[in-house]
Amino acid sequence: MKIRSMYLRSASATLFSVFGLMSTLAQADVRISGSDTEENLITTAVTQYQRGSKSDIKAEFKGTSVGFKDLCKGAADIVPASNKIQADQAKACADKKISYLELPIAYDAVAVIVNKANNWTNDLTMAELKSIFHPESYGKVTHWNQVRMAYSDAPLKIVSPDTKSGTTMFFTERVNAMRGFLRGDTTIFSDHGKIIDAVSEDVNAIGFVSLGALVERKSNVRPVPINFGKGAVIPDASSVLSEAYGPLTRLLYVYIAQSALAKPEVTAFASYLFENGDRYARFSGFVPLTAAGYINNLRRIKAGQ
């Protein structure tokens, strides 16, 4: 979908649930709503957990912001989130007297991707990323050689997750200092896999996705090394842990409604998730926390605070 205006905020989203079925959360023992970035991690954990449990667990991955809305209206027990809850979202929960636990589950990075046949984009600086993705570049920066003179004169094609995505919120804030706003000629998709597919099919395209999505589904794309001022850096486990990729590195979270921990099904699944957090983080292409980090989260779940 492409919408033309200087500032673009998308309203589309795709609904997913565990096993790919449309679902409602209302009657489930454990209700999960949130980030599509963490979809693979959470659904893998649910699938494995349900082999030994009769709990009815339903999950929808419509975006971090939707997950927080569900949390703050009492419609979700667990919210996978690719960014921290924002002040207005926290206020919405406070107004409803809903308390929650904020638990990190893994490190991630946002990777800028281009087609493998793009042989000119050797690296990009943060200033060049801003020139590509900033809303005010719409109609002004339209070709690659306007980003850097040595680059191709090919047209620039920009793709992005929609603005319900925590990845979009994070990236636009870090790169543009304008949280959630996209160029008017951006083609938007509701999940990271479709962004990778779009860039795979267009040599002139550029987009951004979670490192986990890139590891899971590299296809015909490659990550662009980013120069933060000390040389170009590829996003990977090493650069995330060393903080060399720092400005585009983030923590992924799981939020749990405090009241939901009164349900043994929620406590049991949440405990299982963090007991196996290292394994599921690695499997999903993320960088695990330290063992102490997962142990601390388990203590908080068991204490209910």
Protein backbone atom coordinates (compact mmCIF):
# COMPACT_ATOMS: atom_id res chain seq x y z
CA MET A 1 0.00 0.00 0.00
CA LYS A 2 1.37 3.42 -0.91
CA ILE A 3 -0.13 6.66 0.38
CA ARG A 4 1.11 10.01 -0.83
CA SER A 5 1.49 12.90 1.58
CA MET A 6 4.48 14.45 3.30
CA TYR A 7 3.75 12.78 6.62
CA LEU A 8 2.41 9.24 6.64
CA ARG A 9 1.02 7.33 9.58
CA SER A 10 -0.49 4.01 8.55
CA ALA A 11 -3.72 2.57 9.89
CA SER A 12 -3.42 -0.93 8.48
CA ALA A 13 -2.48 -4.07 10.37
CA THR A 14 -2.58 -7.77 9.86
CA LEU A 15 -3.99 -10.09 12.49
CA PHE A 16 -2.09 -13.20 13.42
CA SER A 17 -2.60 -15.81 16.07
CA VAL A 18 -0.81 -18.92 17.17
CA PHE A 19 -0.99 -21.45 14.32
CA GLY A 20 -1.95 -18.59 11.93
CA LEU A 21 -5.68 -18.56 12.70
CA MET A 22 -7.90 -15.56 13.29
CA SER A 23 -8.90 -15.54 16.94
CA THR A 24 -10.42 -13.61 19.78
CA LEU A 25 -8.67 -13.49 23.11
CA ALA A 26 -11.70 -13.12 25.34
CA GLN A 27 -12.20 -16.73 26.45
CA ALA A 28 -8.58 -17.90 26.57
CA ASP A 29 -6.77 -18.93 29.76
CA VAL A 30 -3.76 -16.92 28.61
CA ARG A 31 -4.32 -13.90 26.35
CA ILE A 32 -1.30 -12.58 24.44
CA SER A 33 -1.39 -9.46 22.26
CA GLY A 34 1.49 -7.42 20.88
CA SER A 35 4.57 -7.17 18.73
CA ASP A 36 4.95 -9.03 15.46
CA THR A 37 8.73 -8.72 15.99
CA GLU A 38 8.42 -11.30 18.77
CA GLU A 39 5.87 -13.47 16.97
CA ASN A 40 8.29 -16.28 16.16
CA LEU A 41 9.73 -16.32 19.69
CA ILE A 42 6.33 -16.36 21.39
CA THR A 43 4.57 -18.80 19.06
CA THR A 44 7.50 -21.23 19.27
CA ALA A 45 7.35 -21.08 23.07
CA VAL A 46 3.56 -21.55 23.06
CA THR A 47 3.76 -24.51 20.70
CA GLN A 48 6.38 -26.26 22.82
CA TYR A 49 4.62 -25.41 26.09
CA GLN A 50 1.26 -26.73 24.92
CA ARG A 51 2.75 -30.17 24.30
CA GLY A 52 2.64 -30.65 28.06
CA SER A 53 -0.17 -28.30 29.04
CA LYS A 54 -3.90 -28.13 28.49
CA SER A 55 -4.01 -24.35 28.92
CA ASP A 56 -5.91 -22.47 26.22
CA ILE A 57 -3.41 -19.88 24.99
CA LYS A 58 -4.35 -17.45 22.24
CA ALA A 59 -2.08 -14.83 20.71
CA GLU A 60 -2.51 -11.96 18.28
CA PHE A 61 0.40 -10.04 16.77
CA LYS A 62 -1.02 -6.76 15.48
CA GLY A 63 1.77 -4.54 16.80
CA THR A 64 3.19 -3.25 20.06
CA SER A 65 0.84 -0.27 20.27
CA VAL A 66 -2.21 -2.53 19.84
CA GLY A 67 -0.86 -4.81 22.55
CA PHE A 68 -0.55 -1.91 24.97
CA LYS A 69 -4.11 -0.84 24.20
CA ASP A 70 -5.31 -4.36 24.97
CA LEU A 71 -3.27 -4.42 28.18
CA CYS A 72 -4.69 -1.11 29.36
CA LYS A 73 -8.29 -2.12 28.75
CA GLY A 74 -7.84 -5.48 30.48
CA ALA A 75 -8.07 -7.49 27.26
CA ALA A 76 -4.55 -8.98 27.34
CA ASP A 77 -2.56 -10.77 30.04
CA ILE A 78 0.82 -10.76 28.28
CA VAL A 79 2.12 -8.18 25.82
CA PRO A 80 5.28 -8.83 23.77
CA ALA A 81 6.65 -5.34 23.03
CA SER A 82 9.46 -4.17 20.77
CA ASN A 83 9.71 -0.87 22.62
CA LYS A 84 9.06 0.39 26.15
CA ILE A 85 5.60 1.58 27.04
CA GLN A 86 5.19 5.30 26.32
CA ALA A 87 3.91 7.93 28.73
CA ASP A 88 0.46 8.19 27.14
CA GLN A 89 0.09 4.38 27.12
CA ALA A 90 1.22 4.11 30.74
CA LYS A 91 -1.31 6.79 31.69
CA ALA A 92 -4.08 4.83 29.96
CA CYS A 93 -3.20 1.83 32.15
CA ALA A 94 -2.97 3.99 35.29
CA ASP A 95 -6.38 5.50 34.56
CA LYS A 96 -7.83 1.97 34.51
CA LYS A 97 -5.82 1.03 37.62
CA ILE A 98 -3.96 -1.65 35.67
CA SER A 99 -0.48 -2.43 36.97
CA TYR A 100 2.03 -4.52 35.05
CA LEU A 101 5.48 -6.07 35.11
CA GLU A 102 7.97 -4.84 32.50
CA LEU A 103 10.39 -7.69 31.76
CA PRO A 104 13.17 -7.64 29.14
CA ILE A 105 13.44 -10.89 27.21
CA ALA A 106 16.17 -10.36 24.58
CA TYR A 107 18.32 -7.86 22.74
CA ASP A 108 17.52 -6.96 19.15
CA ALA A 109 18.81 -4.58 16.51
CA VAL A 110 17.07 -2.85 13.63
CA ALA A 111 18.79 -3.83 10.40
CA VAL A 112 18.66 -1.62 7.32
CA ILE A 113 18.34 -3.90 4.30
CA VAL A 114 18.86 -3.66 0.55
CA ASN A 115 18.66 -6.13 -2.32
CA LYS A 116 21.77 -8.32 -2.76
CA ALA A 117 22.06 -7.05 -6.33
CA ASN A 118 22.46 -3.49 -4.99
CA ASN A 119 26.24 -3.22 -5.43
CA TRP A 120 26.63 0.47 -4.60
CA THR A 121 25.38 0.83 -1.04
CA ASN A 122 28.54 -0.16 0.82
CA ASP A 123 27.53 1.61 4.03
CA LEU A 124 25.36 4.46 5.29
CA THR A 125 25.77 7.04 8.03
CA MET A 126 22.99 8.09 10.40
CA ALA A 127 22.77 11.41 8.52
CA GLU A 128 22.30 9.53 5.25
CA LEU A 129 19.62 7.35 6.82
CA LYS A 130 17.83 10.52 7.86
CA SER A 131 18.08 11.89 4.33
CA ILE A 132 16.42 8.70 3.07
CA PHE A 133 13.69 8.17 5.66
CA HIS A 134 12.81 11.63 6.99
CA PRO A 135 9.31 12.82 5.99
CA GLU A 136 10.72 16.12 4.70
CA SER A 137 12.82 14.20 2.15
CA TYR A 138 9.63 13.26 0.32
CA GLY A 139 9.84 14.69 -3.21
CA LYS A 140 13.41 15.91 -2.60
CA VAL A 141 15.60 12.83 -2.11
CA THR A 142 14.28 10.50 -4.79
CA HIS A 143 17.43 8.82 -6.19
CA TRP A 144 20.31 6.97 -4.59
CA ASN A 145 22.94 9.47 -5.79
CA GLN A 146 21.15 12.17 -3.81
CA VAL A 147 21.98 10.19 -0.70
CA ARG A 148 25.66 9.92 -1.70
CA MET A 149 27.03 11.20 -4.98
CA ALA A 150 29.06 8.04 -5.63
CA TYR A 151 25.97 5.87 -5.49
CA SER A 152 23.77 4.85 -8.44
CA ASP A 153 21.37 7.28 -10.11
CA ALA A 154 18.64 4.65 -9.70
CA PRO A 155 15.32 5.67 -8.11
CA LEU A 156 14.98 5.20 -4.37
CA LYS A 157 12.19 2.83 -3.25
CA ILE A 158 11.38 2.94 0.47
CA VAL A 159 9.51 0.24 2.40
CA SER A 160 8.62 0.14 6.09
CA PRO A 161 6.54 -1.60 8.73
CA ASP A 162 3.37 0.30 9.59
CA THR A 163 3.15 2.72 12.50
CA LYS A 164 1.48 0.21 14.79
CA SER A 165 4.88 -1.46 14.81
CA GLY A 166 7.25 -0.79 17.69
CA THR A 167 10.08 -1.23 15.18
CA THR A 168 8.84 1.75 13.18
CA MET A 169 8.43 3.83 16.34
CA PHE A 170 11.96 2.98 17.48
CA PHE A 171 13.64 3.48 14.10
CA THR A 172 11.94 6.77 13.22
CA GLU A 173 12.71 8.17 16.66
CA ARG A 174 16.39 7.20 16.48
CA VAL A 175 16.94 8.21 12.85
CA ASN A 176 14.52 11.09 12.29
CA ALA A 177 13.80 12.28 15.85
CA MET A 178 10.16 12.09 14.69
CA ARG A 179 8.53 9.09 16.31
CA GLY A 180 6.14 7.20 14.04
CA PHE A 181 6.19 9.46 10.97
CA LEU A 182 7.10 8.13 7.53
CA ARG A 183 7.71 9.65 4.12
CA GLY A 184 4.60 10.03 2.00
CA ASP A 185 6.00 7.75 -0.72
CA THR A 186 6.78 4.90 1.66
CA THR A 187 5.29 1.52 0.83
CA ILE A 188 4.12 0.01 4.10
CA PHE A 189 3.63 -3.60 5.15
CA SER A 190 2.10 -5.15 8.21
CA ASP A 191 4.93 -7.57 8.96
CA HIS A 192 8.69 -7.87 8.58
CA GLY A 193 8.58 -10.88 6.27
CA LYS A 194 6.70 -8.89 3.63
CA ILE A 195 9.27 -6.10 3.84
CA ILE A 196 12.06 -8.62 3.23
CA ASP A 197 10.10 -10.02 0.27
CA ALA A 198 9.58 -6.52 -1.19
CA VAL A 199 13.27 -5.64 -0.95
CA SER A 200 14.17 -9.06 -2.38
CA GLU A 201 12.15 -8.25 -5.49
CA ASP A 202 13.44 -4.70 -6.12
CA VAL A 203 17.13 -3.82 -6.57
CA ASN A 204 16.39 -0.17 -5.77
CA ALA A 205 14.52 -0.79 -2.53
CA ILE A 206 15.61 -0.07 1.02
CA GLY A 207 13.82 -0.96 4.24
CA PHE A 208 14.36 -1.82 7.88
CA VAL A 209 13.46 -4.90 9.91
CA SER A 210 14.22 -6.64 13.17
CA LEU A 211 17.49 -8.56 13.30
CA GLY A 212 15.44 -11.61 14.26
CA ALA A 213 13.41 -11.37 11.05
CA LEU A 214 16.58 -11.02 9.00
CA VAL A 215 18.22 -14.07 10.59
CA GLU A 216 15.05 -16.10 10.10
CA ARG A 217 14.44 -15.08 6.51
CA LYS A 218 17.49 -13.61 4.76
CA SER A 219 16.20 -14.34 1.27
CA ASN A 220 17.72 -12.08 -1.41
CA VAL A 221 18.59 -9.19 0.91
CA ARG A 222 21.64 -8.07 2.87
CA PRO A 223 22.09 -5.77 5.86
CA VAL A 224 23.78 -2.44 5.19
CA PRO A 225 26.71 -1.63 7.49
CA ILE A 226 25.97 1.57 9.41
CA ASN A 227 28.69 4.08 10.27
CA PHE A 228 27.89 5.67 13.62
CA GLY A 229 31.15 7.65 13.54
CA LYS A 230 33.73 4.93 14.24
CA GLY A 231 33.55 2.88 11.06
CA ALA A 232 30.80 0.83 9.45
CA VAL A 233 29.17 -1.84 11.63
CA ILE A 234 27.07 -4.86 10.62
CA PRO A 235 24.19 -5.77 12.95
CA ASP A 236 24.89 -9.12 14.60
CA ALA A 237 25.21 -10.64 18.07
CA SER A 238 28.75 -9.37 18.47
CA SER A 239 28.01 -5.73 17.57
CA VAL A 240 24.87 -5.77 19.71
CA LEU A 241 26.68 -7.07 22.81
CA SER A 242 29.69 -4.78 22.31
CA GLU A 243 27.31 -1.81 21.80
CA ALA A 244 29.10 -0.98 18.53
CA TYR A 245 25.67 -0.99 16.88
CA GLY A 246 24.33 0.93 19.87
CA PRO A 247 22.00 3.60 18.40
CA LEU A 248 19.98 0.95 16.55
CA THR A 249 20.14 -1.70 19.29
CA ARG A 250 17.19 -2.20 21.62
CA LEU A 251 15.74 -4.43 24.28
CA LEU A 252 12.63 -6.48 23.57
CA TYR A 253 10.12 -6.76 26.40
CA VAL A 254 7.28 -8.84 27.73
CA TYR A 255 4.69 -6.95 29.79
CA ILE A 256 2.46 -8.93 32.13
CA ALA A 257 -0.67 -7.57 33.79
CA GLN A 258 -0.11 -7.89 37.53
CA SER A 259 -3.69 -9.02 38.11
CA ALA A 260 -3.26 -11.78 35.49
CA LEU A 261 -0.62 -13.44 37.66
CA ALA A 262 -3.46 -14.51 39.95
CA LYS A 263 -4.32 -16.99 37.18
CA PRO A 264 -2.09 -20.08 37.54
CA GLU A 265 -2.16 -20.60 33.75
CA VAL A 266 -0.57 -17.17 33.17
CA THR A 267 2.05 -17.61 35.89
CA ALA A 268 2.95 -21.08 34.63
CA PHE A 269 3.38 -20.02 31.00
CA ALA A 270 5.25 -16.81 31.88
CA SER A 271 7.61 -18.80 34.10
CA TYR A 272 8.19 -21.33 31.32
CA LEU A 273 8.89 -18.54 28.83
CA PHE A 274 11.62 -16.97 30.96
CA GLU A 275 13.05 -20.29 32.15
CA ASN A 276 13.69 -20.98 28.46
CA GLY A 277 14.28 -17.37 27.40
CA ASP A 278 17.88 -17.91 26.29
CA ARG A 279 16.90 -20.82 24.04
CA TYR A 280 13.94 -19.10 22.42
CA ALA A 281 15.83 -15.83 21.95
CA ARG A 282 18.63 -17.61 20.08
CA PHE A 283 16.21 -19.70 18.03
CA SER A 284 14.41 -16.53 16.91
CA GLY A 285 17.59 -14.71 15.86
CA PHE A 286 17.80 -12.40 18.88
CA VAL A 287 20.62 -11.96 21.40
CA PRO A 288 19.82 -13.46 24.81
CA LEU A 289 20.09 -11.69 28.15
CA THR A 290 22.54 -12.94 30.74
CA ALA A 291 21.43 -15.90 32.86
CA ALA A 292 21.09 -13.48 35.78
CA GLY A 293 18.65 -11.40 33.73
CA TYR A 294 16.31 -14.32 33.18
CA ILE A 295 16.60 -15.43 36.81
CA ASN A 296 15.67 -11.95 38.00
CA ASN A 297 12.62 -11.92 35.74
CA LEU A 298 11.53 -15.31 37.09
CA ARG A 299 11.78 -13.99 40.64
CA ARG A 300 9.60 -11.04 39.74
CA ILE A 301 6.97 -13.27 38.11
CA LYS A 302 6.83 -15.54 41.14
CA ALA A 303 6.67 -12.53 43.47
CA GLY A 304 4.01 -10.91 41.28
CA GLN A 305 5.85 -7.60 41.10
